[in-house]
Amino acid sequence: AALGRGRGVAMRGMGDRVQKDFSTKSAMIRKLGKLVLQREFDMRTQIMEDAKLAKRSGMSQEELLADFERAVKFLREEVGCSPLESDICISKVATGLYMQHLGKPRIPTNDEMNLVMDWLLENLACKREDGTLRTIVEKYPFVMGRKIEDLDESRRFCPEDIDFDIAVSEDPALIDKTYNCDGICANQCTSCWYNG
């Protein structure tokens, strides 16, 4: 098996993997030479401009905005994200990877995010102190909306010749790989480790 990135991570099935950009930077577009936040990743503005968004969530606009601000503050204080990065992270996780919560945001609670952070710190090559936890969250904000069972499932299905801790630390989107067909396709390619 080929070794990748000089760290001894076996890359069988991942050598030709094209990393998609799910990072907070992908929420920005260039308009007239300036980077501007895309509307779908500006949850604060959406909440203030669309009363129906809060209604669909079973809250008032003020309650939904307070919930958003609580989650953003959590990322700033606990992970060390900048104000813009934390806004984008919570906006992304609240709308979902496939925008499945676009009309009814699902903002994770502090307890849910704490559980995920604890899992990441225990299971990946990352630390709060050196900023690697923040980097993982900013590269793949959707991880903050995952359940521990999903995270454990990803680790369980990781092929033996891939160092899960390092691979997921380098490409956090791999955390959503919760299946491994071992080369005998089972039509679960988007969640399959073999597909990368």
C-alpha atoms as a PDB file:
ATOM      1  CA  ALA A   1       0.000   0.000   0.000  1.00  0.00           C
ATOM      2  CA  ALA A   2       1.183   3.500  -0.777  1.00  0.00           C
ATOM      3  CA  LEU A   3       2.020   5.805   2.066  1.00  0.00           C
ATOM      4  CA  GLY A   4       0.554   9.295   2.005  1.00  0.00           C
ATOM      5  CA  ARG A   5       1.758  12.662   3.244  1.00  0.00           C
ATOM      6  CA  GLY A   6       4.908  11.282   4.791  1.00  0.00           C
ATOM      7  CA  ARG A   7       3.136  10.310   8.007  1.00  0.00           C
ATOM      8  CA  GLY A   8       2.747   6.619   7.375  1.00  0.00           C
ATOM      9  CA  VAL A   9      -0.954   6.747   6.594  1.00  0.00           C
ATOM     10  CA  ALA A  10      -1.810   3.922   4.262  1.00  0.00           C
ATOM     11  CA  MET A  11      -4.007   5.289   1.515  1.00  0.00           C
ATOM     12  CA  ARG A  12      -5.539   2.168  -0.091  1.00  0.00           C
ATOM     13  CA  GLY A  13      -8.736   3.291  -1.724  1.00  0.00           C
ATOM     14  CA  MET A  14      -7.968   6.931  -0.963  1.00  0.00           C
ATOM     15  CA  GLY A  15      -5.023   7.665  -3.244  1.00  0.00           C
ATOM     16  CA  ASP A  16      -7.216   9.215  -5.916  1.00  0.00           C
ATOM     17  CA  ARG A  17      -9.579  10.911  -3.476  1.00  0.00           C
ATOM     18  CA  VAL A  18     -10.501  14.446  -4.440  1.00  0.00           C
ATOM     19  CA  GLN A  19     -11.132  16.459  -1.305  1.00  0.00           C
ATOM     20  CA  LYS A  20     -14.242  18.597  -1.471  1.00  0.00           C
ATOM     21  CA  ASP A  21     -14.154  21.996   0.180  1.00  0.00           C
ATOM     22  CA  PHE A  22     -16.702  22.075   2.993  1.00  0.00           C
ATOM     23  CA  SER A  23     -14.708  24.651   4.951  1.00  0.00           C
ATOM     24  CA  THR A  24     -15.939  27.997   6.164  1.00  0.00           C
ATOM     25  CA  LYS A  25     -14.043  29.583   3.251  1.00  0.00           C
ATOM     26  CA  SER A  26     -16.411  27.849   0.811  1.00  0.00           C
ATOM     27  CA  ALA A  27     -19.242  30.026   2.173  1.00  0.00           C
ATOM     28  CA  MET A  28     -17.663  33.113   0.619  1.00  0.00           C
ATOM     29  CA  ILE A  29     -18.016  34.253  -2.996  1.00  0.00           C
ATOM     30  CA  ARG A  30     -16.214  37.005  -4.832  1.00  0.00           C
ATOM     31  CA  LYS A  31     -18.345  39.978  -5.888  1.00  0.00           C
ATOM     32  CA  LEU A  32     -16.727  42.991  -7.512  1.00  0.00           C
ATOM     33  CA  GLY A  33     -13.353  41.856  -6.228  1.00  0.00           C
ATOM     34  CA  LYS A  34     -14.475  41.431  -2.600  1.00  0.00           C
ATOM     35  CA  LEU A  35     -15.277  38.275  -0.674  1.00  0.00           C
ATOM     36  CA  VAL A  36     -18.919  38.257   0.384  1.00  0.00           C
ATOM     37  CA  LEU A  37     -20.772  35.755   2.561  1.00  0.00           C
ATOM     38  CA  GLN A  38     -23.346  33.744   0.562  1.00  0.00           C
ATOM     39  CA  ARG A  39     -26.888  34.316   1.773  1.00  0.00           C
ATOM     40  CA  GLU A  40     -27.571  30.657   2.611  1.00  0.00           C
ATOM     41  CA  PHE A  41     -24.648  30.748   5.075  1.00  0.00           C
ATOM     42  CA  ASP A  42     -25.729  33.982   6.771  1.00  0.00           C
ATOM     43  CA  MET A  43     -28.163  32.498   9.288  1.00  0.00           C
ATOM     44  CA  ARG A  44     -28.357  35.674  11.399  1.00  0.00           C
ATOM     45  CA  THR A  45     -29.662  37.722   8.451  1.00  0.00           C
ATOM     46  CA  GLN A  46     -32.045  34.940   7.430  1.00  0.00           C
ATOM     47  CA  ILE A  47     -33.522  34.805  10.935  1.00  0.00           C
ATOM     48  CA  MET A  48     -33.979  38.590  11.109  1.00  0.00           C
ATOM     49  CA  GLU A  49     -35.483  38.890   7.622  1.00  0.00           C
ATOM     50  CA  ASP A  50     -37.738  35.804   7.554  1.00  0.00           C
ATOM     51  CA  ALA A  51     -40.236  35.453  10.418  1.00  0.00           C
ATOM     52  CA  LYS A  52     -41.464  32.154   8.938  1.00  0.00           C
ATOM     53  CA  LEU A  53     -38.056  30.569   9.576  1.00  0.00           C
ATOM     54  CA  ALA A  54     -38.540  30.979  13.326  1.00  0.00           C
ATOM     55  CA  LYS A  55     -42.188  29.953  13.121  1.00  0.00           C
ATOM     56  CA  ARG A  56     -41.269  26.699  11.353  1.00  0.00           C
ATOM     57  CA  SER A  57     -38.783  26.076  14.162  1.00  0.00           C
ATOM     58  CA  GLY A  58     -41.495  26.568  16.773  1.00  0.00           C
ATOM     59  CA  MET A  59     -39.901  29.726  18.192  1.00  0.00           C
ATOM     60  CA  SER A  60     -40.138  33.477  17.974  1.00  0.00           C
ATOM     61  CA  GLN A  61     -37.537  35.319  15.901  1.00  0.00           C
ATOM     62  CA  GLU A  62     -35.923  36.563  19.109  1.00  0.00           C
ATOM     63  CA  GLU A  63     -35.707  33.026  20.526  1.00  0.00           C
ATOM     64  CA  LEU A  64     -34.217  31.594  17.326  1.00  0.00           C
ATOM     65  CA  LEU A  65     -31.723  34.457  17.087  1.00  0.00           C
ATOM     66  CA  ALA A  66     -30.762  33.947  20.754  1.00  0.00           C
ATOM     67  CA  ASP A  67     -30.300  30.213  20.080  1.00  0.00           C
ATOM     68  CA  PHE A  68     -28.059  31.010  17.093  1.00  0.00           C
ATOM     69  CA  GLU A  69     -26.058  33.547  19.142  1.00  0.00           C
ATOM     70  CA  ARG A  70     -25.651  31.001  21.958  1.00  0.00           C
ATOM     71  CA  ALA A  71     -24.181  28.417  19.573  1.00  0.00           C
ATOM     72  CA  VAL A  72     -21.918  30.989  17.898  1.00  0.00           C
ATOM     73  CA  LYS A  73     -20.653  32.170  21.289  1.00  0.00           C
ATOM     74  CA  PHE A  74     -19.940  28.561  22.246  1.00  0.00           C
ATOM     75  CA  LEU A  75     -17.687  28.059  19.207  1.00  0.00           C
ATOM     76  CA  ARG A  76     -15.861  31.323  19.882  1.00  0.00           C
ATOM     77  CA  GLU A  77     -15.212  30.525  23.531  1.00  0.00           C
ATOM     78  CA  GLU A  78     -14.726  26.750  23.470  1.00  0.00           C
ATOM     79  CA  VAL A  79     -13.063  26.200  20.098  1.00  0.00           C
ATOM     80  CA  GLY A  80     -11.464  29.586  19.441  1.00  0.00           C
ATOM     81  CA  CYS A  81     -13.205  30.397  16.147  1.00  0.00           C
ATOM     82  CA  SER A  82     -13.278  34.009  14.950  1.00  0.00           C
ATOM     83  CA  PRO A  83     -16.670  35.794  14.872  1.00  0.00           C
ATOM     84  CA  LEU A  84     -17.130  35.247  11.100  1.00  0.00           C
ATOM     85  CA  GLU A  85     -15.912  31.642  11.190  1.00  0.00           C
ATOM     86  CA  SER A  86     -18.219  30.756  14.101  1.00  0.00           C
ATOM     87  CA  ASP A  87     -21.197  32.370  12.338  1.00  0.00           C
ATOM     88  CA  ILE A  88     -20.493  30.342   9.193  1.00  0.00           C
ATOM     89  CA  CYS A  89     -19.894  27.099  11.126  1.00  0.00           C
ATOM     90  CA  ILE A  90     -23.214  27.314  12.961  1.00  0.00           C
ATOM     91  CA  SER A  91     -25.029  28.432   9.793  1.00  0.00           C
ATOM     92  CA  LYS A  92     -23.639  25.420   7.909  1.00  0.00           C
ATOM     93  CA  VAL A  93     -24.391  22.863  10.620  1.00  0.00           C
ATOM     94  CA  ALA A  94     -27.872  24.352  11.169  1.00  0.00           C
ATOM     95  CA  THR A  95     -28.795  24.012   7.485  1.00  0.00           C
ATOM     96  CA  GLY A  96     -27.177  20.575   7.102  1.00  0.00           C
ATOM     97  CA  LEU A  97     -24.687  19.068   4.686  1.00  0.00           C
ATOM     98  CA  TYR A  98     -27.317  18.646   1.976  1.00  0.00           C
ATOM     99  CA  MET A  99     -29.281  21.761   3.009  1.00  0.00           C
ATOM    100  CA  GLN A 100     -31.927  19.443   4.455  1.00  0.00           C
ATOM    101  CA  HIS A 101     -32.670  21.903   7.291  1.00  0.00           C
ATOM    102  CA  LEU A 102     -32.646  25.035   5.118  1.00  0.00           C
ATOM    103  CA  GLY A 103     -36.201  26.132   5.928  1.00  0.00           C
ATOM    104  CA  LYS A 104     -36.106  24.898   9.526  1.00  0.00           C
ATOM    105  CA  PRO A 105     -32.608  25.229  10.987  1.00  0.00           C
ATOM    106  CA  ARG A 106     -31.346  22.633  13.435  1.00  0.00           C
ATOM    107  CA  ILE A 107     -28.930  24.463  15.731  1.00  0.00           C
ATOM    108  CA  PRO A 108     -27.005  22.069  17.985  1.00  0.00           C
ATOM    109  CA  THR A 109     -27.137  22.582  21.752  1.00  0.00           C
ATOM    110  CA  ASN A 110     -24.012  23.313  23.782  1.00  0.00           C
ATOM    111  CA  ASP A 111     -24.270  19.819  25.299  1.00  0.00           C
ATOM    112  CA  GLU A 112     -24.397  18.222  21.840  1.00  0.00           C
ATOM    113  CA  MET A 113     -21.386  20.252  20.676  1.00  0.00           C
ATOM    114  CA  ASN A 114     -19.503  19.432  23.903  1.00  0.00           C
ATOM    115  CA  LEU A 115     -20.061  15.714  23.322  1.00  0.00           C
ATOM    116  CA  VAL A 116     -18.762  15.990  19.757  1.00  0.00           C
ATOM    117  CA  MET A 117     -15.743  18.053  20.831  1.00  0.00           C
ATOM    118  CA  ASP A 118     -14.885  15.563  23.567  1.00  0.00           C
ATOM    119  CA  TRP A 119     -15.148  12.720  21.048  1.00  0.00           C
ATOM    120  CA  LEU A 120     -12.929  14.554  18.549  1.00  0.00           C
ATOM    121  CA  LEU A 121     -10.306  15.284  21.224  1.00  0.00           C
ATOM    122  CA  GLU A 122     -10.312  11.661  22.405  1.00  0.00           C
ATOM    123  CA  ASN A 123     -10.379  10.032  18.960  1.00  0.00           C
ATOM    124  CA  LEU A 124      -8.434  12.265  16.568  1.00  0.00           C
ATOM    125  CA  ALA A 125      -4.961  13.720  16.383  1.00  0.00           C
ATOM    126  CA  CYS A 126      -6.130  17.156  17.553  1.00  0.00           C
ATOM    127  CA  LYS A 127      -5.902  19.463  20.575  1.00  0.00           C
ATOM    128  CA  ARG A 128      -7.594  22.646  21.700  1.00  0.00           C
ATOM    129  CA  GLU A 129      -4.334  24.276  22.740  1.00  0.00           C
ATOM    130  CA  ASP A 130      -2.599  24.158  19.350  1.00  0.00           C
ATOM    131  CA  GLY A 131      -5.678  25.094  17.299  1.00  0.00           C
ATOM    132  CA  THR A 132      -6.035  21.737  15.530  1.00  0.00           C
ATOM    133  CA  LEU A 133      -9.538  21.225  16.963  1.00  0.00           C
ATOM    134  CA  ARG A 134     -10.554  24.634  15.580  1.00  0.00           C
ATOM    135  CA  THR A 135      -9.058  23.708  12.200  1.00  0.00           C
ATOM    136  CA  ILE A 136     -11.104  20.495  12.070  1.00  0.00           C
ATOM    137  CA  VAL A 137     -14.328  22.344  12.933  1.00  0.00           C
ATOM    138  CA  GLU A 138     -13.624  25.090  10.385  1.00  0.00           C
ATOM    139  CA  LYS A 139     -12.716  22.554   7.649  1.00  0.00           C
ATOM    140  CA  TYR A 140     -15.868  20.513   8.227  1.00  0.00           C
ATOM    141  CA  PRO A 141     -18.416  22.384  10.404  1.00  0.00           C
ATOM    142  CA  PHE A 142     -21.010  19.641   9.877  1.00  0.00           C
ATOM    143  CA  VAL A 143     -19.148  17.465  12.381  1.00  0.00           C
ATOM    144  CA  MET A 144     -20.662  19.590  15.184  1.00  0.00           C
ATOM    145  CA  GLY A 145     -24.114  18.302  14.226  1.00  0.00           C
ATOM    146  CA  ARG A 146     -23.191  14.610  14.294  1.00  0.00           C
ATOM    147  CA  LYS A 147     -24.278  12.107  16.914  1.00  0.00           C
ATOM    148  CA  ILE A 148     -21.686  10.099  18.819  1.00  0.00           C
ATOM    149  CA  GLU A 149     -23.125   6.878  17.355  1.00  0.00           C
ATOM    150  CA  ASP A 150     -22.372   8.187  13.831  1.00  0.00           C
ATOM    151  CA  LEU A 151     -18.822   9.131  14.817  1.00  0.00           C
ATOM    152  CA  ASP A 152     -18.224   5.721  16.383  1.00  0.00           C
ATOM    153  CA  GLU A 153     -19.660   4.046  13.278  1.00  0.00           C
ATOM    154  CA  SER A 154     -17.194   5.921  11.082  1.00  0.00           C
ATOM    155  CA  ARG A 155     -14.271   4.728  13.196  1.00  0.00           C
ATOM    156  CA  ARG A 156     -15.605   1.157  13.196  1.00  0.00           C
ATOM    157  CA  PHE A 157     -15.818   0.986   9.382  1.00  0.00           C
ATOM    158  CA  CYS A 158     -12.453   2.632   8.717  1.00  0.00           C
ATOM    159  CA  PRO A 159     -10.214   0.182   6.822  1.00  0.00           C
ATOM    160  CA  GLU A 160      -7.398  -1.308   8.902  1.00  0.00           C
ATOM    161  CA  ASP A 161      -4.675   0.125   6.683  1.00  0.00           C
ATOM    162  CA  ILE A 162      -5.846   3.720   7.188  1.00  0.00           C
ATOM    163  CA  ASP A 163      -4.899   5.516  10.393  1.00  0.00           C
ATOM    164  CA  PHE A 164      -8.318   6.941  11.303  1.00  0.00           C
ATOM    165  CA  ASP A 165      -6.953   9.554  13.731  1.00  0.00           C
ATOM    166  CA  ILE A 166      -4.616  11.113  11.203  1.00  0.00           C
ATOM    167  CA  ALA A 167      -6.773  10.658   8.079  1.00  0.00           C
ATOM    168  CA  VAL A 168      -9.831  12.329   9.620  1.00  0.00           C
ATOM    169  CA  SER A 169      -7.699  15.042  11.242  1.00  0.00           C
ATOM    170  CA  GLU A 170      -6.311  15.898   7.793  1.00  0.00           C
ATOM    171  CA  ASP A 171      -9.660  15.570   5.981  1.00  0.00           C
ATOM    172  CA  PRO A 172     -12.540  15.912   8.490  1.00  0.00           C
ATOM    173  CA  ALA A 173     -15.156  15.155   5.797  1.00  0.00           C
ATOM    174  CA  LEU A 174     -14.101  11.515   6.166  1.00  0.00           C
ATOM    175  CA  ILE A 175     -16.019  11.497   9.465  1.00  0.00           C
ATOM    176  CA  ASP A 176     -19.185  10.894   7.418  1.00  0.00           C
ATOM    177  CA  LYS A 177     -17.808   7.621   6.021  1.00  0.00           C
ATOM    178  CA  THR A 178     -19.952   5.051   7.839  1.00  0.00           C
ATOM    179  CA  TYR A 179     -19.712   2.089   5.480  1.00  0.00           C
ATOM    180  CA  ASN A 180     -16.988  -0.020   3.851  1.00  0.00           C
ATOM    181  CA  CYS A 181     -17.774  -2.275   0.901  1.00  0.00           C
ATOM    182  CA  ASP A 182     -14.138  -3.491   0.598  1.00  0.00           C
ATOM    183  CA  GLY A 183     -14.342  -3.079  -3.178  1.00  0.00           C
ATOM    184  CA  ILE A 184     -17.558  -5.034  -3.688  1.00  0.00           C
ATOM    185  CA  CYS A 185     -19.912  -2.139  -4.370  1.00  0.00           C
ATOM    186  CA  ALA A 186     -23.095  -1.949  -2.334  1.00  0.00           C
ATOM    187  CA  ASN A 187     -24.323   1.361  -3.810  1.00  0.00           C
ATOM    188  CA  GLN A 188     -23.455   3.358  -0.695  1.00  0.00           C
ATOM    189  CA  CYS A 189     -20.582   5.194  -2.323  1.00  0.00           C
ATOM    190  CA  THR A 190     -21.065   8.595  -0.679  1.00  0.00           C
ATOM    191  CA  SER A 191     -20.705   7.066   2.787  1.00  0.00           C
ATOM    192  CA  CYS A 192     -18.188   4.357   1.865  1.00  0.00           C
ATOM    193  CA  TRP A 193     -14.559   4.415   3.017  1.00  0.00           C
ATOM    194  CA  TYR A 194     -13.478   2.414  -0.004  1.00  0.00           C
ATOM    195  CA  ASN A 195     -14.702   5.189  -2.303  1.00  0.00           C
ATOM    196  CA  GLY A 196     -12.896   7.793  -0.158  1.00  0.00           C
END
